[in-house]
Amino acid sequence: MLGRPFAINLAGAEDLDMLPGVGPRLAENILAYRSRHGPFTGPDAFRRVSGIGPSLAARLTPMFTYTTTP
């Protein structure tokens, strides 16, 4: 999964939990943010999730794509 771009807007809790540094609680925070605010449009939106600090954001965002279609 992590050898290719990761579609952050299509991921479920189990997918998110497999990312390095993301556990079940942070996965739920990501899903809750996406539910309240709509799909992530880029790194700035991802950094607004509760529990995402600058270091984790810097490690993860290069892995993401922001597509909303499979």
C-alpha atoms as a PDB file:
ATOM      1  CA  MET A   1       0.000   0.000   0.000  1.00  0.00           C
ATOM      2  CA  LEU A   2       2.694   2.521   0.890  1.00  0.00           C
ATOM      3  CA  GLY A   3       4.789   1.808  -2.187  1.00  0.00           C
ATOM      4  CA  ARG A   4       2.366   3.878  -4.252  1.00  0.00           C
ATOM      5  CA  PRO A   5       0.440   7.102  -3.672  1.00  0.00           C
ATOM      6  CA  PHE A   6      -2.177   6.810  -0.941  1.00  0.00           C
ATOM      7  CA  ALA A   7      -5.641   8.239  -1.744  1.00  0.00           C
ATOM      8  CA  ILE A   8      -6.401  10.036   1.534  1.00  0.00           C
ATOM      9  CA  ASN A   9      -9.968  10.908   0.485  1.00  0.00           C
ATOM     10  CA  LEU A  10     -10.889   7.304  -0.325  1.00  0.00           C
ATOM     11  CA  ALA A  11      -9.284   5.617   2.688  1.00  0.00           C
ATOM     12  CA  GLY A  12     -11.242   4.013   5.493  1.00  0.00           C
ATOM     13  CA  ALA A  13     -10.209   3.714   9.129  1.00  0.00           C
ATOM     14  CA  GLU A  14      -8.350   0.427   8.597  1.00  0.00           C
ATOM     15  CA  ASP A  15      -6.359   1.903   5.696  1.00  0.00           C
ATOM     16  CA  LEU A  16      -5.456   5.015   7.658  1.00  0.00           C
ATOM     17  CA  ASP A  17      -4.455   2.969  10.705  1.00  0.00           C
ATOM     18  CA  MET A  18      -1.772   1.258   8.585  1.00  0.00           C
ATOM     19  CA  LEU A  19       0.024   4.537   7.884  1.00  0.00           C
ATOM     20  CA  PRO A  20       3.184   5.078   9.939  1.00  0.00           C
ATOM     21  CA  GLY A  21       2.410   7.161  13.008  1.00  0.00           C
ATOM     22  CA  VAL A  22      -1.382   6.837  12.646  1.00  0.00           C
ATOM     23  CA  GLY A  23      -3.279   4.672  15.085  1.00  0.00           C
ATOM     24  CA  PRO A  24      -6.999   3.986  15.470  1.00  0.00           C
ATOM     25  CA  ARG A  25      -7.770   7.251  17.280  1.00  0.00           C
ATOM     26  CA  LEU A  26      -5.967   9.459  14.781  1.00  0.00           C
ATOM     27  CA  ALA A  27      -7.568   7.522  11.915  1.00  0.00           C
ATOM     28  CA  GLU A  28     -10.967   8.393  13.397  1.00  0.00           C
ATOM     29  CA  ASN A  29      -9.928  12.052  13.716  1.00  0.00           C
ATOM     30  CA  ILE A  30      -8.984  12.082  10.032  1.00  0.00           C
ATOM     31  CA  LEU A  31     -12.325  10.546   9.037  1.00  0.00           C
ATOM     32  CA  ALA A  32     -14.244  12.939  11.283  1.00  0.00           C
ATOM     33  CA  TYR A  33     -12.460  15.937   9.783  1.00  0.00           C
ATOM     34  CA  ARG A  34     -13.159  14.688   6.267  1.00  0.00           C
ATOM     35  CA  SER A  35     -16.808  14.131   7.159  1.00  0.00           C
ATOM     36  CA  ARG A  36     -17.223  17.647   8.596  1.00  0.00           C
ATOM     37  CA  HIS A  37     -15.171  19.580   6.047  1.00  0.00           C
ATOM     38  CA  GLY A  38     -15.334  17.503   2.879  1.00  0.00           C
ATOM     39  CA  PRO A  39     -12.464  15.931   0.977  1.00  0.00           C
ATOM     40  CA  PHE A  40      -8.903  17.005   1.597  1.00  0.00           C
ATOM     41  CA  THR A  41      -7.720  19.305  -1.172  1.00  0.00           C
ATOM     42  CA  GLY A  42      -4.064  19.373  -0.213  1.00  0.00           C
ATOM     43  CA  PRO A  43      -1.528  19.241   2.603  1.00  0.00           C
ATOM     44  CA  ASP A  44      -2.815  22.371   4.343  1.00  0.00           C
ATOM     45  CA  ALA A  45      -6.211  20.771   4.999  1.00  0.00           C
ATOM     46  CA  PHE A  46      -4.596  17.576   6.295  1.00  0.00           C
ATOM     47  CA  ARG A  47      -2.516  19.585   8.780  1.00  0.00           C
ATOM     48  CA  ARG A  48      -5.709  20.929  10.373  1.00  0.00           C
ATOM     49  CA  VAL A  49      -6.723  17.490  11.691  1.00  0.00           C
ATOM     50  CA  SER A  50      -6.562  17.273  15.478  1.00  0.00           C
ATOM     51  CA  GLY A  51      -3.515  15.211  16.411  1.00  0.00           C
ATOM     52  CA  ILE A  52      -1.538  15.901  13.225  1.00  0.00           C
ATOM     53  CA  GLY A  53       1.608  17.782  14.118  1.00  0.00           C
ATOM     54  CA  PRO A  54       4.147  19.295  11.749  1.00  0.00           C
ATOM     55  CA  SER A  55       6.495  16.305  11.901  1.00  0.00           C
ATOM     56  CA  LEU A  56       3.817  13.704  11.136  1.00  0.00           C
ATOM     57  CA  ALA A  57       2.328  15.889   8.414  1.00  0.00           C
ATOM     58  CA  ALA A  58       5.760  16.283   6.804  1.00  0.00           C
ATOM     59  CA  ARG A  59       6.274  12.507   6.782  1.00  0.00           C
ATOM     60  CA  LEU A  60       2.833  11.590   5.471  1.00  0.00           C
ATOM     61  CA  THR A  61       1.700  14.236   3.000  1.00  0.00           C
ATOM     62  CA  PRO A  62       4.232  13.314   0.284  1.00  0.00           C
ATOM     63  CA  MET A  63       2.591   9.858   0.198  1.00  0.00           C
ATOM     64  CA  PHE A  64      -0.915  11.236  -0.462  1.00  0.00           C
ATOM     65  CA  THR A  65      -3.005  11.917  -3.481  1.00  0.00           C
ATOM     66  CA  TYR A  66      -6.127  14.005  -3.025  1.00  0.00           C
ATOM     67  CA  THR A  67      -8.348  12.328  -5.572  1.00  0.00           C
ATOM     68  CA  THR A  68     -12.020  11.812  -4.765  1.00  0.00           C
ATOM     69  CA  THR A  69     -12.721   9.116  -7.355  1.00  0.00           C
ATOM     70  CA  PRO A  70     -11.497   5.515  -7.320  1.00  0.00           C
END
